[in-house]
Amino acid sequence: MNILVIDDDPAVRKFICTTLKREGHQVIEAGDGVTGIRMLNENKAITLMITDLIMPEKEGIETIMEVRKSHPDLKIIAISGGGKVGPENYLVLADALGADATLKKPFSVQDLLLSLKLLD
């Protein structure tokens, strides 16, 4: 699977990318939604996007809304550690806006791989 991972936290991004690469997936990384959308538009082979929800430049909610318009068939996993109101509120919103799955940070390797398997 060709996967785009968008997260502004380099440690979280590395954890996700390393896990996915170990499972044999092709992974492209972005540190914010603006870069992520550009990479998505440049790489037509991407079939799944994993995006954080709270980021600088363009938040994950905005990214999901934009991607849903231009790439309606793309699978999306939204991830969030929260912020001021807690991750559940953001994840519920992401789900309502078209995320196919959600994960609350911190999540395990098993949680991530199970989400992938359910979307496959």
N, C-alpha and C. Protein backbone atom coordinates (compact mmCIF):
# COMPACT_ATOMS: atom_id res chain seq x y z
N MET A 1 0.84 -1.18 0.00
CA MET A 1 0.00 0.00 0.00
C MET A 1 0.89 1.25 0.00
N ASN A 2 0.48 2.27 -0.73
CA ASN A 2 1.19 3.55 -0.75
C ASN A 2 0.49 4.50 0.22
N ILE A 3 1.23 4.93 1.24
CA ILE A 3 0.62 5.67 2.35
C ILE A 3 1.31 7.02 2.54
N LEU A 4 0.50 8.05 2.72
CA LEU A 4 0.97 9.39 3.06
C LEU A 4 0.73 9.60 4.55
N VAL A 5 1.79 9.96 5.27
CA VAL A 5 1.70 10.22 6.71
C VAL A 5 1.96 11.71 6.94
N ILE A 6 0.97 12.39 7.54
CA ILE A 6 1.08 13.82 7.82
C ILE A 6 1.01 14.03 9.34
N ASP A 7 2.10 14.50 9.92
CA ASP A 7 2.13 14.81 11.35
C ASP A 7 3.26 15.80 11.59
N ASP A 8 2.99 16.82 12.38
CA ASP A 8 4.01 17.83 12.64
C ASP A 8 5.01 17.40 13.71
N ASP A 9 4.74 16.32 14.41
CA ASP A 9 5.66 15.81 15.44
C ASP A 9 6.59 14.78 14.80
N PRO A 10 7.89 15.13 14.66
CA PRO A 10 8.81 14.21 13.98
C PRO A 10 8.89 12.83 14.64
N ALA A 11 8.77 12.75 15.96
CA ALA A 11 8.86 11.46 16.65
C ALA A 11 7.65 10.58 16.32
N VAL A 12 6.48 11.16 16.31
CA VAL A 12 5.27 10.40 15.96
C VAL A 12 5.33 9.97 14.50
N ARG A 13 5.74 10.89 13.63
CA ARG A 13 5.85 10.58 12.20
C ARG A 13 6.83 9.42 11.98
N LYS A 14 7.96 9.46 12.67
CA LYS A 14 8.96 8.39 12.52
C LYS A 14 8.41 7.05 13.01
N PHE A 15 7.71 7.06 14.14
CA PHE A 15 7.10 5.84 14.68
C PHE A 15 6.14 5.22 13.66
N ILE A 16 5.26 6.04 13.11
CA ILE A 16 4.27 5.55 12.15
C ILE A 16 4.97 5.04 10.88
N CYS A 17 5.88 5.84 10.34
CA CYS A 17 6.56 5.48 9.09
C CYS A 17 7.39 4.23 9.24
N THR A 18 8.12 4.11 10.34
CA THR A 18 8.94 2.92 10.58
C THR A 18 8.07 1.68 10.67
N THR A 19 6.95 1.79 11.39
CA THR A 19 6.02 0.66 11.52
C THR A 19 5.49 0.25 10.16
N LEU A 20 5.06 1.21 9.36
CA LEU A 20 4.48 0.90 8.06
C LEU A 20 5.50 0.32 7.10
N LYS A 21 6.71 0.89 7.10
CA LYS A 21 7.76 0.37 6.22
C LYS A 21 8.13 -1.06 6.58
N ARG A 22 8.16 -1.36 7.88
CA ARG A 22 8.46 -2.71 8.34
C ARG A 22 7.43 -3.72 7.83
N GLU A 23 6.22 -3.24 7.61
CA GLU A 23 5.14 -4.10 7.10
C GLU A 23 5.13 -4.16 5.57
N GLY A 24 6.09 -3.48 4.93
CA GLY A 24 6.22 -3.55 3.48
C GLY A 24 5.50 -2.46 2.70
N HIS A 25 4.99 -1.45 3.39
CA HIS A 25 4.28 -0.37 2.71
C HIS A 25 5.26 0.68 2.19
N GLN A 26 4.86 1.36 1.12
CA GLN A 26 5.60 2.52 0.61
C GLN A 26 5.06 3.73 1.36
N VAL A 27 5.95 4.57 1.92
CA VAL A 27 5.52 5.67 2.78
C VAL A 27 6.12 6.99 2.32
N ILE A 28 5.26 8.00 2.27
CA ILE A 28 5.68 9.38 2.00
C ILE A 28 5.31 10.19 3.24
N GLU A 29 6.20 11.09 3.66
CA GLU A 29 5.98 11.87 4.87
C GLU A 29 5.78 13.35 4.58
N ALA A 30 4.96 13.99 5.44
CA ALA A 30 4.78 15.43 5.38
C ALA A 30 4.61 15.95 6.81
N GLY A 31 5.11 17.17 7.05
CA GLY A 31 5.05 17.76 8.38
C GLY A 31 3.85 18.65 8.62
N ASP A 32 3.05 18.90 7.56
CA ASP A 32 1.85 19.72 7.71
C ASP A 32 0.89 19.43 6.56
N GLY A 33 -0.33 19.92 6.68
CA GLY A 33 -1.36 19.65 5.69
C GLY A 33 -1.09 20.24 4.32
N VAL A 34 -0.47 21.43 4.29
CA VAL A 34 -0.16 22.07 3.00
C VAL A 34 0.79 21.18 2.19
N THR A 35 1.87 20.75 2.84
CA THR A 35 2.85 19.87 2.18
C THR A 35 2.20 18.53 1.84
N GLY A 36 1.38 18.01 2.76
CA GLY A 36 0.72 16.73 2.54
C GLY A 36 -0.17 16.74 1.31
N ILE A 37 -0.97 17.79 1.16
CA ILE A 37 -1.86 17.87 0.00
C ILE A 37 -1.05 18.00 -1.29
N ARG A 38 0.04 18.76 -1.25
CA ARG A 38 0.89 18.87 -2.43
C ARG A 38 1.46 17.49 -2.80
N MET A 39 1.93 16.75 -1.81
CA MET A 39 2.49 15.42 -2.07
C MET A 39 1.42 14.46 -2.58
N LEU A 40 0.22 14.57 -2.05
CA LEU A 40 -0.88 13.73 -2.50
C LEU A 40 -1.19 14.00 -3.97
N ASN A 41 -1.20 15.26 -4.35
CA ASN A 41 -1.49 15.62 -5.74
C ASN A 41 -0.36 15.22 -6.69
N GLU A 42 0.86 15.12 -6.18
CA GLU A 42 2.01 14.74 -7.00
C GLU A 42 2.18 13.22 -7.10
N ASN A 43 1.56 12.47 -6.21
CA ASN A 43 1.75 11.02 -6.14
C ASN A 43 0.40 10.32 -6.24
N LYS A 44 0.01 10.03 -7.46
CA LYS A 44 -1.31 9.43 -7.70
C LYS A 44 -1.44 8.01 -7.15
N ALA A 45 -0.32 7.37 -6.80
CA ALA A 45 -0.36 6.00 -6.31
C ALA A 45 -0.78 5.91 -4.84
N ILE A 46 -0.86 7.03 -4.13
CA ILE A 46 -1.22 7.01 -2.71
C ILE A 46 -2.67 6.54 -2.56
N THR A 47 -2.87 5.53 -1.70
CA THR A 47 -4.21 4.98 -1.48
C THR A 47 -4.73 5.22 -0.07
N LEU A 48 -3.84 5.66 0.84
CA LEU A 48 -4.23 5.90 2.23
C LEU A 48 -3.48 7.12 2.76
N MET A 49 -4.19 7.96 3.51
CA MET A 49 -3.58 9.10 4.18
C MET A 49 -3.83 8.96 5.68
N ILE A 50 -2.76 9.09 6.44
CA ILE A 50 -2.86 9.13 7.90
C ILE A 50 -2.50 10.56 8.30
N THR A 51 -3.41 11.27 8.93
CA THR A 51 -3.13 12.66 9.27
C THR A 51 -3.44 12.99 10.72
N ASP A 52 -2.53 13.74 11.30
CA ASP A 52 -2.77 14.32 12.62
C ASP A 52 -3.82 15.40 12.44
N LEU A 53 -4.51 15.77 13.49
CA LEU A 53 -5.56 16.77 13.38
C LEU A 53 -5.12 18.16 13.83
N ILE A 54 -4.21 18.23 14.77
CA ILE A 54 -3.78 19.54 15.26
C ILE A 54 -2.35 19.79 14.79
N MET A 55 -2.23 20.69 13.78
CA MET A 55 -0.93 20.99 13.17
C MET A 55 -0.89 22.45 12.77
N PRO A 56 0.32 22.99 12.60
CA PRO A 56 0.44 24.35 12.06
C PRO A 56 0.18 24.33 10.55
N GLU A 57 0.11 25.49 9.96
CA GLU A 57 -0.11 25.66 8.51
C GLU A 57 -1.54 25.30 8.12
N LYS A 58 -1.86 24.02 8.08
CA LYS A 58 -3.21 23.56 7.74
C LYS A 58 -3.51 22.38 8.65
N GLU A 59 -4.53 22.54 9.48
CA GLU A 59 -4.87 21.48 10.42
C GLU A 59 -5.45 20.26 9.69
N GLY A 60 -5.47 19.16 10.39
CA GLY A 60 -5.95 17.91 9.80
C GLY A 60 -7.41 17.95 9.38
N ILE A 61 -8.24 18.66 10.14
CA ILE A 61 -9.65 18.76 9.78
C ILE A 61 -9.79 19.45 8.42
N GLU A 62 -9.07 20.57 8.24
CA GLU A 62 -9.09 21.27 6.95
C GLU A 62 -8.54 20.37 5.84
N THR A 63 -7.49 19.65 6.16
CA THR A 63 -6.86 18.75 5.19
C THR A 63 -7.84 17.67 4.75
N ILE A 64 -8.54 17.07 5.71
CA ILE A 64 -9.52 16.03 5.39
C ILE A 64 -10.62 16.60 4.49
N MET A 65 -11.13 17.78 4.84
CA MET A 65 -12.21 18.39 4.04
C MET A 65 -11.76 18.64 2.61
N GLU A 66 -10.54 19.15 2.44
CA GLU A 66 -10.02 19.43 1.10
C GLU A 66 -9.78 18.14 0.32
N VAL A 67 -9.19 17.15 0.99
CA VAL A 67 -8.88 15.88 0.33
C VAL A 67 -10.16 15.14 -0.07
N ARG A 68 -11.19 15.20 0.74
CA ARG A 68 -12.45 14.53 0.42
C ARG A 68 -13.04 15.06 -0.88
N LYS A 69 -12.86 16.36 -1.15
CA LYS A 69 -13.39 16.95 -2.38
C LYS A 69 -12.61 16.49 -3.61
N SER A 70 -11.29 16.45 -3.50
CA SER A 70 -10.45 16.15 -4.66
C SER A 70 -10.12 14.66 -4.82
N HIS A 71 -10.17 13.91 -3.72
CA HIS A 71 -9.82 12.48 -3.75
C HIS A 71 -10.86 11.70 -2.94
N PRO A 72 -12.10 11.62 -3.42
CA PRO A 72 -13.17 11.02 -2.62
C PRO A 72 -12.97 9.55 -2.26
N ASP A 73 -12.15 8.83 -3.02
CA ASP A 73 -11.95 7.41 -2.76
C ASP A 73 -10.76 7.11 -1.86
N LEU A 74 -9.98 8.13 -1.52
CA LEU A 74 -8.80 7.92 -0.67
C LEU A 74 -9.23 7.49 0.73
N LYS A 75 -8.58 6.47 1.26
CA LYS A 75 -8.82 6.06 2.65
C LYS A 75 -8.10 7.03 3.57
N ILE A 76 -8.74 7.40 4.69
CA ILE A 76 -8.16 8.36 5.62
C ILE A 76 -8.26 7.83 7.04
N ILE A 77 -7.11 7.86 7.74
CA ILE A 77 -7.08 7.60 9.18
C ILE A 77 -6.69 8.91 9.85
N ALA A 78 -7.53 9.39 10.76
CA ALA A 78 -7.26 10.61 11.51
C ALA A 78 -6.68 10.22 12.87
N ILE A 79 -5.62 10.93 13.29
CA ILE A 79 -5.02 10.67 14.60
C ILE A 79 -4.95 11.97 15.39
N SER A 80 -5.11 11.87 16.72
CA SER A 80 -5.05 13.07 17.53
C SER A 80 -4.73 12.74 18.98
N GLY A 81 -3.93 13.61 19.56
CA GLY A 81 -3.65 13.54 20.99
C GLY A 81 -4.50 14.55 21.74
N GLY A 82 -5.25 15.35 21.01
CA GLY A 82 -6.18 16.26 21.66
C GLY A 82 -5.86 17.71 21.51
N GLY A 83 -5.31 18.27 22.54
CA GLY A 83 -5.21 19.71 22.61
C GLY A 83 -6.02 20.14 23.81
N LYS A 84 -6.60 21.31 23.76
CA LYS A 84 -7.32 21.86 24.90
C LYS A 84 -8.62 21.12 25.22
N VAL A 85 -9.28 20.58 24.21
CA VAL A 85 -10.58 19.96 24.46
C VAL A 85 -10.53 18.43 24.49
N GLY A 86 -9.37 17.84 24.29
CA GLY A 86 -9.26 16.39 24.31
C GLY A 86 -9.44 15.79 22.93
N PRO A 87 -8.79 14.66 22.67
CA PRO A 87 -8.79 14.07 21.33
C PRO A 87 -10.14 13.58 20.85
N GLU A 88 -11.00 13.16 21.77
CA GLU A 88 -12.28 12.57 21.35
C GLU A 88 -13.10 13.54 20.51
N ASN A 89 -13.15 14.82 20.92
CA ASN A 89 -13.93 15.80 20.17
C ASN A 89 -13.41 15.98 18.75
N TYR A 90 -12.10 16.07 18.60
CA TYR A 90 -11.51 16.22 17.27
C TYR A 90 -11.73 14.96 16.43
N LEU A 91 -11.60 13.80 17.05
CA LEU A 91 -11.75 12.55 16.31
C LEU A 91 -13.19 12.34 15.86
N VAL A 92 -14.17 12.74 16.67
CA VAL A 92 -15.57 12.64 16.28
C VAL A 92 -15.83 13.55 15.08
N LEU A 93 -15.27 14.75 15.12
CA LEU A 93 -15.42 15.69 14.00
C LEU A 93 -14.77 15.13 12.74
N ALA A 94 -13.57 14.58 12.87
CA ALA A 94 -12.87 13.99 11.72
C ALA A 94 -13.70 12.86 11.12
N ASP A 95 -14.30 12.05 11.97
CA ASP A 95 -15.15 10.95 11.51
C ASP A 95 -16.35 11.50 10.74
N ALA A 96 -16.96 12.55 11.26
CA ALA A 96 -18.12 13.15 10.60
C ALA A 96 -17.75 13.77 9.25
N LEU A 97 -16.51 14.23 9.11
CA LEU A 97 -16.08 14.88 7.87
C LEU A 97 -15.51 13.91 6.85
N GLY A 98 -15.47 12.63 7.18
CA GLY A 98 -15.08 11.66 6.17
C GLY A 98 -13.88 10.78 6.46
N ALA A 99 -13.32 10.85 7.67
CA ALA A 99 -12.24 9.92 8.00
C ALA A 99 -12.81 8.51 8.06
N ASP A 100 -12.07 7.54 7.54
CA ASP A 100 -12.53 6.15 7.53
C ASP A 100 -12.25 5.46 8.85
N ALA A 101 -11.27 5.98 9.60
CA ALA A 101 -10.92 5.43 10.90
C ALA A 101 -10.25 6.53 11.72
N THR A 102 -10.25 6.36 13.05
CA THR A 102 -9.60 7.32 13.93
C THR A 102 -8.78 6.58 14.98
N LEU A 103 -7.69 7.22 15.38
CA LEU A 103 -6.84 6.66 16.44
C LEU A 103 -6.49 7.76 17.43
N LYS A 104 -6.65 7.46 18.71
CA LYS A 104 -6.30 8.40 19.77
C LYS A 104 -4.85 8.17 20.17
N LYS A 105 -4.05 9.26 20.15
CA LYS A 105 -2.66 9.17 20.59
C LYS A 105 -2.63 9.10 22.12
N PRO A 106 -1.70 8.38 22.70
CA PRO A 106 -0.74 7.49 22.02
C PRO A 106 -1.43 6.18 21.65
N PHE A 107 -1.04 5.63 20.51
CA PHE A 107 -1.57 4.34 20.09
C PHE A 107 -0.41 3.39 19.87
N SER A 108 -0.71 2.11 19.89
CA SER A 108 0.32 1.07 19.75
C SER A 108 0.50 0.67 18.29
N VAL A 109 1.56 -0.07 18.04
CA VAL A 109 1.79 -0.65 16.72
C VAL A 109 0.59 -1.51 16.34
N GLN A 110 0.09 -2.29 17.29
CA GLN A 110 -1.05 -3.17 17.03
C GLN A 110 -2.29 -2.37 16.64
N ASP A 111 -2.54 -1.25 17.33
CA ASP A 111 -3.69 -0.41 17.00
C ASP A 111 -3.59 0.12 15.57
N LEU A 112 -2.40 0.58 15.20
CA LEU A 112 -2.18 1.12 13.87
C LEU A 112 -2.38 0.05 12.80
N LEU A 113 -1.79 -1.11 13.01
CA LEU A 113 -1.89 -2.18 12.02
C LEU A 113 -3.32 -2.72 11.91
N LEU A 114 -4.05 -2.75 13.04
CA LEU A 114 -5.44 -3.19 13.01
C LEU A 114 -6.29 -2.21 12.19
N SER A 115 -6.05 -0.92 12.36
CA SER A 115 -6.77 0.09 11.58
C SER A 115 -6.52 -0.11 10.08
N LEU A 116 -5.27 -0.38 9.72
CA LEU A 116 -4.93 -0.62 8.32
C LEU A 116 -5.66 -1.84 7.79
N LYS A 117 -5.64 -2.89 8.57
CA LYS A 117 -6.25 -4.15 8.15
C LYS A 117 -7.76 -3.97 7.93
N LEU A 118 -8.40 -3.20 8.81
CA LEU A 118 -9.84 -2.97 8.69
C LEU A 118 -10.20 -2.16 7.45
N LEU A 119 -9.27 -1.34 6.96
CA LEU A 119 -9.53 -0.53 5.79
C LEU A 119 -9.17 -1.23 4.48
N ASP A 120 -8.41 -2.30 4.59
CA ASP A 120 -7.92 -2.99 3.39
C ASP A 120 -9.00 -3.75 2.66
